[in-house]
Amino acid sequence: MTAPSIRAEGAGTPATSASAPLQLEWDARLRHEQVDDDAFSRDANADTLRLRLGLRANFGDGWSGLLEGAGVASAGERYNSGANGRTQYPAITDPHGGELNQAWLGWQEDAFGVTVGRQRLLLDNQRWVGNSGWRQYEQTYDALALQWQPLAALTVRYDWLDRVHRVAGLDALNPLARERKLNTHLLNLAWIQGVQQWVGYAYLHEDRDVASASSATYGLRWSGKAVRDGYGPGWTLEAARQVDYANNPLHFAHSYWLLEPAWTVQGITAKLGWEHLGGNGHHALQTPLATLHAFNGWDDQFNVTPAGGLEDRYASVGGNLGHSGLAGKLGWVVSYHDYHADRGGRYGSEWNASLSFPLAAGLSGLIKMADYRADGLGRDSAKLWLQLEWHGQQALTNAL
């Protein structure tokens, strides 16, 4: 277990070679996504290719920088991308186009670091702040990020966010889906003791474009993993309180908690979970900067918490298909969610499953599905993804 870093890199992002003054980095993702939603007479099918290309420079004396762009191409328009106006189809928020993804300058010494510019931010498990990396465009921030590590076990992090660039891209028909102006302060303190990590946080989020989205969230998270010789427990416990903040005209106070015990046997990990997002029937706890796809089921029924709140009780099991050879490289996960309102009745249930597999150096494949069955909220919906992703890096030796 490691402490949070000042500029946490997302899954699939190449590691930096400290000896290369300039290097090229890429991440290409080809994906087919299919959505069968009973609220629509037509199924959605999106075949998209994303290329993320960056130049990372190491200037010496602790200075570094990254300039990165992203482009998405699509074959056909049989889906609602949020930018194409095809509202007769279910939504798949992967519009074609191009954008600047990251552009930052940073400095790092032994105990202190600073990064300024457009950057990827991942805090803890991304429940409150993340990059929404599942979509072809990712969520990035115009931000100032500071990190101080006064002790080996203690990391203090502060981020100020001026703007968030959202996954719907520059051409989204709704301008609020493109980006939001912010004045957000994030304070995160992480303490590591053996196999345990304690994190305390205060997230003061002011949305200058949508005042009712502003909130202050204060919380504490305790997690750990004590697996020895393929056997042992893991756990996550978290509690938080969210209240209205800054320019928000509403008045509310909601509770959040997460209980997630786990047990690993010969590389297979089983989890039970209970996540609570409070609601009072008029307003509910929200996580507008989170990596939402990673929580409350992959069908994305709860990207906005219903006014009655959400109780997500779930079970999952996953690992590798074997211990060696090809089977040892195949990763699988199966999970089940049962959804209820904090105040009110049942919403529905959902099955998720995925199979991931390496194909070559830097190249991997993924098959993934979600099946939501409505029982009070929305309509039945099923999604299927087939994906190939290739990422890598290449030092440009004589460039500097």
Protein backbone atom coordinates (compact mmCIF):
# COMPACT_ATOMS: atom_id res chain seq x y z
CA MET A 1 0.00 0.00 0.00
CA THR A 2 1.38 3.38 -0.99
CA ALA A 3 0.53 6.94 -0.09
CA PRO A 4 -1.33 9.14 -2.57
CA SER A 5 0.91 10.89 -5.08
CA ILE A 6 0.66 14.47 -6.14
CA ARG A 7 -0.16 13.50 -9.70
CA ALA A 8 -1.59 10.01 -9.58
CA GLU A 9 -1.44 8.40 -12.99
CA GLY A 10 -4.49 6.52 -14.25
CA ALA A 11 -4.69 2.86 -15.18
CA GLY A 12 -2.95 2.22 -18.45
CA THR A 13 -0.81 5.40 -18.32
CA PRO A 14 2.86 4.62 -18.98
CA ALA A 15 5.37 5.09 -16.20
CA THR A 16 7.97 7.80 -16.60
CA SER A 17 11.57 6.87 -17.35
CA ALA A 18 13.65 9.12 -15.11
CA SER A 19 16.66 8.88 -17.45
CA ALA A 20 14.81 10.08 -20.56
CA PRO A 21 14.80 13.88 -21.00
CA LEU A 22 11.93 13.58 -23.49
CA GLN A 23 9.63 10.69 -24.18
CA LEU A 24 6.60 9.95 -26.27
CA GLU A 25 3.63 8.28 -24.53
CA TRP A 26 0.53 6.81 -26.11
CA ASP A 27 -2.68 5.05 -25.16
CA ALA A 28 -4.93 3.73 -27.94
CA ARG A 29 -8.29 2.16 -27.12
CA LEU A 30 -10.65 0.47 -29.59
CA ARG A 31 -14.07 -0.30 -28.17
CA HIS A 32 -17.46 -1.62 -29.19
CA GLU A 33 -20.26 -0.68 -26.79
CA GLN A 34 -23.82 -1.93 -27.12
CA VAL A 35 -26.79 -0.74 -25.03
CA ASP A 36 -30.23 -2.34 -24.88
CA ASP A 37 -32.42 -0.02 -22.79
CA ASP A 38 -36.16 -0.68 -22.54
CA ALA A 39 -36.78 3.08 -22.37
CA PHE A 40 -35.82 3.29 -26.07
CA SER A 41 -37.19 1.51 -29.13
CA ARG A 42 -33.69 1.27 -30.65
CA ASP A 43 -30.48 -0.23 -29.31
CA ALA A 44 -27.33 1.89 -29.29
CA ASN A 45 -24.09 0.66 -30.89
CA ALA A 46 -20.87 2.67 -30.71
CA ASP A 47 -17.58 1.64 -32.34
CA THR A 48 -14.96 4.17 -31.26
CA LEU A 49 -11.19 4.53 -31.36
CA ARG A 50 -9.43 6.78 -28.86
CA LEU A 51 -5.80 7.88 -29.23
CA ARG A 52 -4.14 9.72 -26.38
CA LEU A 53 -0.67 11.04 -27.31
CA GLY A 54 1.71 12.92 -25.04
CA LEU A 55 5.21 14.33 -24.74
CA ARG A 56 6.73 14.15 -21.26
CA ALA A 57 9.83 16.21 -20.52
CA ASN A 58 12.24 15.83 -17.62
CA PHE A 59 14.16 19.10 -17.37
CA GLY A 60 16.36 18.17 -14.42
CA ASP A 61 16.60 19.59 -10.88
CA GLY A 62 13.13 18.13 -10.13
CA TRP A 63 11.32 19.87 -13.00
CA SER A 64 9.07 18.00 -15.43
CA GLY A 65 6.13 18.63 -17.72
CA LEU A 66 3.56 16.90 -19.89
CA LEU A 67 1.72 18.01 -23.03
CA GLU A 68 -0.96 15.53 -24.09
CA GLY A 69 -3.84 15.52 -26.57
CA ALA A 70 -6.68 13.10 -27.15
CA GLY A 71 -8.75 12.31 -30.23
CA VAL A 72 -11.76 10.03 -30.73
CA ALA A 73 -13.01 8.62 -34.04
CA SER A 74 -16.34 6.80 -34.39
CA ALA A 75 -17.75 4.47 -37.05
CA GLY A 76 -21.41 5.33 -37.44
CA GLU A 77 -23.82 7.39 -35.35
CA ARG A 78 -26.19 4.78 -33.90
CA TYR A 79 -25.91 6.17 -30.39
CA ASN A 80 -26.48 9.41 -28.49
CA SER A 81 -23.01 10.81 -27.86
CA GLY A 82 -24.29 13.98 -26.22
CA ALA A 83 -22.95 15.93 -29.20
CA ASN A 84 -24.73 14.39 -32.20
CA GLY A 85 -28.36 14.99 -31.24
CA ARG A 86 -29.32 11.31 -31.74
CA THR A 87 -31.70 11.28 -28.79
CA GLN A 88 -33.71 8.38 -30.25
CA TYR A 89 -30.84 6.14 -29.07
CA PRO A 90 -29.57 5.41 -25.54
CA ALA A 91 -26.61 7.49 -24.38
CA ILE A 92 -23.00 6.42 -24.92
CA THR A 93 -20.91 9.45 -23.99
CA ASP A 94 -18.03 8.95 -26.43
CA PRO A 95 -18.31 11.75 -29.03
CA HIS A 96 -15.81 12.00 -31.88
CA GLY A 97 -13.43 14.94 -32.00
CA GLY A 98 -10.22 16.09 -30.36
CA GLU A 99 -9.09 18.08 -27.33
CA LEU A 100 -6.16 19.03 -25.17
CA ASN A 101 -6.11 16.48 -22.37
CA GLN A 102 -3.22 17.52 -20.12
CA ALA A 103 -0.71 20.38 -20.07
CA TRP A 104 1.15 20.80 -16.80
CA LEU A 105 4.47 21.80 -15.30
CA GLY A 106 5.69 20.25 -12.07
CA TRP A 107 8.51 20.33 -9.57
CA GLN A 108 9.32 17.56 -7.09
CA GLU A 109 11.89 17.22 -4.32
CA ASP A 110 12.18 14.61 -1.59
CA ALA A 111 9.39 15.92 0.66
CA PHE A 112 7.51 18.48 -1.42
CA GLY A 113 6.01 18.71 -4.89
CA VAL A 114 3.85 21.08 -6.90
CA THR A 115 2.05 20.71 -10.22
CA VAL A 116 0.19 23.48 -12.03
CA GLY A 117 -1.89 23.26 -15.19
CA ARG A 118 -4.39 20.89 -16.75
CA GLN A 119 -3.89 17.51 -15.10
CA ARG A 120 -5.33 14.18 -14.06
CA LEU A 121 -6.30 13.95 -10.38
CA LEU A 122 -7.09 10.67 -8.61
CA LEU A 123 -7.82 10.80 -4.87
CA ASP A 124 -7.94 7.52 -2.93
CA ASN A 125 -10.48 5.19 -4.60
CA GLN A 126 -11.85 8.06 -6.76
CA ARG A 127 -15.20 8.06 -4.96
CA TRP A 128 -15.01 11.83 -4.56
CA VAL A 129 -12.43 12.98 -7.13
CA GLY A 130 -11.24 11.06 -10.19
CA ASN A 131 -10.73 11.10 -13.95
CA SER A 132 -13.73 9.00 -15.11
CA GLY A 133 -11.20 7.00 -17.11
CA TRP A 134 -13.72 4.49 -18.44
CA ARG A 135 -14.98 6.92 -21.06
CA GLN A 136 -12.88 7.64 -24.14
CA TYR A 137 -12.33 11.25 -23.09
CA GLU A 138 -11.23 11.50 -19.49
CA GLN A 139 -12.05 14.10 -16.87
CA THR A 140 -9.17 16.50 -16.19
CA TYR A 141 -8.74 19.64 -14.11
CA ASP A 142 -7.15 23.07 -14.40
CA ALA A 143 -5.59 22.93 -10.98
CA LEU A 144 -2.78 23.68 -8.57
CA ALA A 145 -1.69 20.50 -6.76
CA LEU A 146 0.59 20.55 -3.71
CA GLN A 147 1.98 17.60 -1.77
CA TRP A 148 4.06 17.51 1.39
CA GLN A 149 5.45 14.39 3.03
CA PRO A 150 6.92 15.45 6.38
CA LEU A 151 7.19 11.81 7.53
CA ALA A 152 7.56 8.58 5.60
CA ALA A 153 4.11 7.49 6.82
CA LEU A 154 2.29 10.82 6.40
CA THR A 155 1.29 12.56 3.18
CA VAL A 156 -0.51 15.91 3.15
CA ARG A 157 -2.12 16.94 -0.11
CA TYR A 158 -3.89 20.13 -1.15
CA ASP A 159 -5.50 20.76 -4.56
CA TRP A 160 -7.18 23.91 -5.79
CA LEU A 161 -9.45 23.40 -8.80
CA ASP A 162 -10.26 26.26 -11.15
CA ARG A 163 -12.09 24.24 -13.82
CA VAL A 164 -13.14 20.68 -14.62
CA HIS A 165 -13.13 19.39 -18.20
CA ARG A 166 -15.75 16.67 -18.46
CA VAL A 167 -15.95 13.46 -20.49
CA ALA A 168 -18.65 14.73 -22.89
CA GLY A 169 -16.03 16.68 -24.86
CA LEU A 170 -15.87 20.14 -26.36
CA ASP A 171 -18.84 19.67 -28.70
CA ALA A 172 -21.46 18.53 -26.18
CA LEU A 173 -24.80 20.16 -26.91
CA ASN A 174 -25.23 21.00 -23.24
CA PRO A 175 -22.46 23.51 -22.40
CA LEU A 176 -22.52 22.41 -18.74
CA ALA A 177 -21.53 18.92 -19.90
CA ARG A 178 -18.36 20.30 -21.49
CA GLU A 179 -16.75 21.96 -18.48
CA ARG A 180 -17.57 23.73 -15.22
CA LYS A 181 -15.96 26.73 -13.58
CA LEU A 182 -14.96 25.92 -10.01
CA ASN A 183 -13.43 27.35 -6.87
CA THR A 184 -12.81 24.02 -5.14
CA HIS A 185 -10.39 23.25 -2.29
CA LEU A 186 -9.37 19.64 -1.59
CA LEU A 187 -7.44 18.68 1.55
CA ASN A 188 -6.36 15.05 1.98
CA LEU A 189 -4.18 13.62 4.77
CA ALA A 190 -3.03 9.98 4.51
CA TRP A 191 -1.30 8.00 7.26
CA ILE A 192 0.13 4.53 6.64
CA GLN A 193 0.75 2.15 9.55
CA GLY A 194 1.82 -1.34 8.50
CA VAL A 195 -0.94 -2.86 6.35
CA GLN A 196 -3.40 -0.10 7.30
CA GLN A 197 -4.07 3.31 5.82
CA TRP A 198 -6.05 6.12 7.43
CA VAL A 199 -7.23 9.03 5.30
CA GLY A 200 -8.97 12.17 6.52
CA TYR A 201 -10.34 14.66 4.04
CA ALA A 202 -12.20 17.93 3.61
CA TYR A 203 -13.50 18.66 0.11
CA LEU A 204 -14.93 22.17 -0.29
CA HIS A 205 -16.50 22.15 -3.74
CA GLU A 206 -17.86 25.39 -5.22
CA ASP A 207 -19.43 25.10 -8.68
CA ARG A 208 -19.60 28.60 -10.15
CA ASP A 209 -21.85 27.49 -13.03
CA VAL A 210 -24.37 25.39 -11.07
CA ALA A 211 -24.74 26.78 -7.57
CA SER A 212 -26.92 23.89 -6.37
CA ALA A 213 -23.99 21.52 -7.01
CA SER A 214 -21.74 23.18 -4.41
CA SER A 215 -21.08 21.16 -1.25
CA ALA A 216 -18.64 20.59 1.59
CA THR A 217 -17.74 16.98 2.43
CA TYR A 218 -15.78 15.88 5.51
CA GLY A 219 -14.79 12.27 5.99
CA LEU A 220 -12.51 9.54 7.32
CA ARG A 221 -11.46 6.35 5.53
CA TRP A 222 -9.75 3.26 6.99
CA SER A 223 -8.52 0.51 4.70
CA GLY A 224 -6.11 -2.40 4.84
CA LYS A 225 -5.10 -5.75 3.47
CA ALA A 226 -3.42 -8.52 5.50
CA VAL A 227 -3.00 -11.30 2.92
CA ARG A 228 -0.24 -13.83 3.66
CA ASP A 229 0.60 -16.77 1.38
CA GLY A 230 -2.55 -16.19 -0.64
CA TYR A 231 -4.91 -16.08 2.37
CA GLY A 232 -6.19 -13.28 4.53
CA PRO A 233 -8.59 -10.40 5.09
CA GLY A 234 -8.99 -6.97 3.61
CA TRP A 235 -11.28 -4.15 4.64
CA THR A 236 -12.49 -0.64 3.89
CA LEU A 237 -14.59 1.48 6.24
CA GLU A 238 -15.46 5.06 5.41
CA ALA A 239 -17.81 7.68 6.83
CA ALA A 240 -18.50 11.23 5.65
CA ARG A 241 -20.90 14.12 6.07
CA GLN A 242 -21.92 16.41 3.21
CA VAL A 243 -23.53 19.83 3.72
CA ASP A 244 -24.40 22.81 1.53
CA TYR A 245 -21.51 25.17 0.85
CA ALA A 246 -20.60 28.54 -0.65
CA ASN A 247 -23.13 29.77 -3.24
CA ASN A 248 -25.59 26.88 -2.86
CA PRO A 249 -29.10 28.24 -2.23
CA LEU A 250 -30.25 24.92 -0.73
CA HIS A 251 -29.78 23.73 2.84
CA PHE A 252 -29.03 20.05 3.50
CA ALA A 253 -26.90 17.62 5.49
CA HIS A 254 -26.43 14.04 4.27
CA SER A 255 -24.48 11.06 5.57
CA TYR A 256 -22.22 8.72 3.63
CA TRP A 257 -20.78 5.40 4.71
CA LEU A 258 -19.07 2.41 3.16
CA LEU A 259 -18.48 -0.99 4.75
CA GLU A 260 -16.52 -3.44 2.60
CA PRO A 261 -14.93 -6.52 4.20
CA ALA A 262 -13.00 -8.86 1.93
CA TRP A 263 -11.29 -12.23 2.11
CA THR A 264 -8.68 -13.71 -0.23
CA VAL A 265 -8.14 -17.46 -0.72
CA GLN A 266 -5.49 -18.62 -3.19
CA GLY A 267 -5.69 -15.43 -5.20
CA ILE A 268 -9.51 -15.31 -5.32
CA THR A 269 -10.97 -12.31 -3.46
CA ALA A 270 -14.57 -12.14 -2.27
CA LYS A 271 -16.11 -8.88 -1.04
CA LEU A 272 -19.32 -7.82 0.64
CA GLY A 273 -20.26 -4.17 0.50
CA TRP A 274 -22.79 -1.71 1.85
CA GLU A 275 -22.58 1.84 0.50
CA HIS A 276 -24.98 4.48 1.77
CA LEU A 277 -25.60 7.84 0.08
CA GLY A 278 -28.11 9.78 2.15
CA GLY A 279 -31.19 11.49 0.76
CA ASN A 280 -34.28 13.16 2.22
CA GLY A 281 -36.71 12.78 -0.69
CA HIS A 282 -35.98 16.28 -1.98
CA HIS A 283 -32.18 16.23 -2.25
CA ALA A 284 -29.43 13.63 -1.93
CA LEU A 285 -25.68 13.40 -1.43
CA GLN A 286 -23.82 13.83 -4.73
CA THR A 287 -20.28 13.09 -5.95
CA PRO A 288 -19.99 15.27 -9.10
CA LEU A 289 -16.19 14.92 -9.51
CA ALA A 290 -16.03 11.15 -8.95
CA THR A 291 -15.14 8.34 -11.31
CA LEU A 292 -18.81 7.33 -11.26
CA HIS A 293 -18.62 4.23 -13.46
CA ALA A 294 -16.60 2.42 -10.78
CA PHE A 295 -19.44 2.64 -8.24
CA ASN A 296 -23.04 1.39 -7.95
CA GLY A 297 -22.91 -0.88 -10.97
CA TRP A 298 -21.46 -0.58 -14.46
CA ASP A 299 -24.84 0.16 -16.06
CA ASP A 300 -24.48 3.73 -14.70
CA GLN A 301 -28.02 4.05 -13.38
CA PHE A 302 -26.86 6.17 -10.42
CA ASN A 303 -24.46 8.75 -11.86
CA VAL A 304 -26.81 11.23 -10.18
CA THR A 305 -28.02 10.03 -6.79
CA PRO A 306 -31.85 9.94 -6.69
CA ALA A 307 -33.51 12.41 -4.31
CA GLY A 308 -34.41 9.52 -2.01
CA GLY A 309 -30.74 8.59 -1.59
CA LEU A 310 -29.18 5.21 -2.34
CA GLU A 311 -28.41 2.01 -0.45
CA ASP A 312 -26.16 -0.25 -2.55
CA ARG A 313 -25.65 -3.70 -0.99
CA TYR A 314 -23.37 -5.81 -3.11
CA ALA A 315 -21.20 -8.90 -3.31
CA SER A 316 -18.32 -9.57 -5.68
CA VAL A 317 -15.74 -12.26 -6.35
CA GLY A 318 -12.76 -12.09 -8.68
CA GLY A 319 -9.21 -13.10 -9.38
CA ASN A 320 -7.29 -15.01 -12.03
CA LEU A 321 -8.53 -18.17 -13.72
CA GLY A 322 -5.39 -20.06 -12.74
CA HIS A 323 -2.04 -19.78 -10.97
CA SER A 324 0.30 -20.04 -13.96
CA GLY A 325 0.45 -20.01 -17.73
CA LEU A 326 -2.32 -18.41 -19.76
CA ALA A 327 -4.97 -19.03 -17.08
CA GLY A 328 -2.86 -17.10 -14.59
CA LYS A 329 -3.03 -14.02 -16.82
CA LEU A 330 -6.81 -14.02 -17.28
CA GLY A 331 -8.54 -11.77 -14.75
CA TRP A 332 -12.24 -12.07 -13.97
CA VAL A 333 -14.82 -10.34 -11.75
CA VAL A 334 -18.49 -11.13 -11.07
CA SER A 335 -20.64 -8.91 -8.85
CA TYR A 336 -24.26 -8.45 -7.81
CA HIS A 337 -25.90 -5.22 -6.56
CA ASP A 338 -29.20 -4.74 -4.73
CA TYR A 339 -30.38 -1.11 -4.80
CA HIS A 340 -32.77 0.58 -2.36
CA ALA A 341 -33.64 4.15 -1.50
CA ASP A 342 -32.40 5.65 1.75
CA ARG A 343 -35.97 6.80 2.20
CA GLY A 344 -38.48 4.87 0.11
CA GLY A 345 -38.65 1.54 -1.65
CA ARG A 346 -36.50 -0.63 -3.85
CA TYR A 347 -34.83 0.63 -7.05
CA GLY A 348 -33.68 -2.60 -8.70
CA SER A 349 -30.75 -5.01 -8.99
CA GLU A 350 -27.79 -5.55 -11.27
CA TRP A 351 -25.28 -8.20 -12.36
CA ASN A 352 -21.81 -7.25 -13.59
CA ALA A 353 -19.08 -9.46 -15.08
CA SER A 354 -15.77 -8.90 -16.82
CA LEU A 355 -12.86 -10.87 -18.28
CA SER A 356 -9.50 -9.19 -18.99
CA PHE A 357 -6.57 -10.73 -20.82
CA PRO A 358 -3.10 -9.67 -22.03
CA LEU A 359 -2.31 -10.16 -25.72
CA ALA A 360 1.22 -8.74 -26.09
CA ALA A 361 3.49 -6.23 -24.41
CA GLY A 362 1.33 -3.19 -23.67
CA LEU A 363 -1.72 -4.71 -25.41
CA SER A 364 -4.72 -6.04 -23.49
CA GLY A 365 -8.29 -7.07 -24.14
CA LEU A 366 -11.50 -6.80 -22.12
CA ILE A 367 -14.97 -8.30 -22.31
CA LYS A 368 -17.46 -6.71 -19.91
CA MET A 369 -21.21 -6.70 -19.31
CA ALA A 370 -23.84 -5.13 -17.10
CA ASP A 371 -27.48 -6.16 -16.66
CA TYR A 372 -29.79 -3.87 -14.65
CA ARG A 373 -33.30 -5.01 -13.69
CA ALA A 374 -35.58 -2.17 -12.66
CA ASP A 375 -37.92 -2.46 -9.69
CA GLY A 376 -39.01 1.10 -9.02
CA LEU A 377 -36.36 3.20 -10.79
CA GLY A 378 -35.75 3.45 -14.54
CA ARG A 379 -36.20 0.65 -17.03
CA ASP A 380 -34.41 -2.65 -17.65
CA SER A 381 -31.03 -2.07 -19.32
CA ALA A 382 -28.17 -4.27 -20.52
CA LYS A 383 -24.73 -3.23 -21.77
CA LEU A 384 -21.88 -5.10 -23.46
CA TRP A 385 -18.31 -3.92 -24.11
CA LEU A 386 -15.56 -5.46 -26.26
CA GLN A 387 -12.27 -3.61 -25.95
CA LEU A 388 -8.62 -3.60 -27.01
CA GLU A 389 -6.14 -1.19 -25.43
CA TRP A 390 -2.51 -0.54 -26.33
CA HIS A 391 -0.24 1.76 -24.34
CA GLY A 392 3.45 2.41 -24.30
CA GLN A 393 6.29 4.88 -24.25
CA GLN A 394 9.38 5.64 -26.28
CA ALA A 395 12.35 7.76 -25.27
CA LEU A 396 13.29 10.42 -27.81
CA THR A 397 17.01 10.23 -27.14
CA ASN A 398 18.49 13.15 -29.01
CA ALA A 399 15.60 15.59 -28.69
CA LEU A 400 17.03 17.72 -25.87
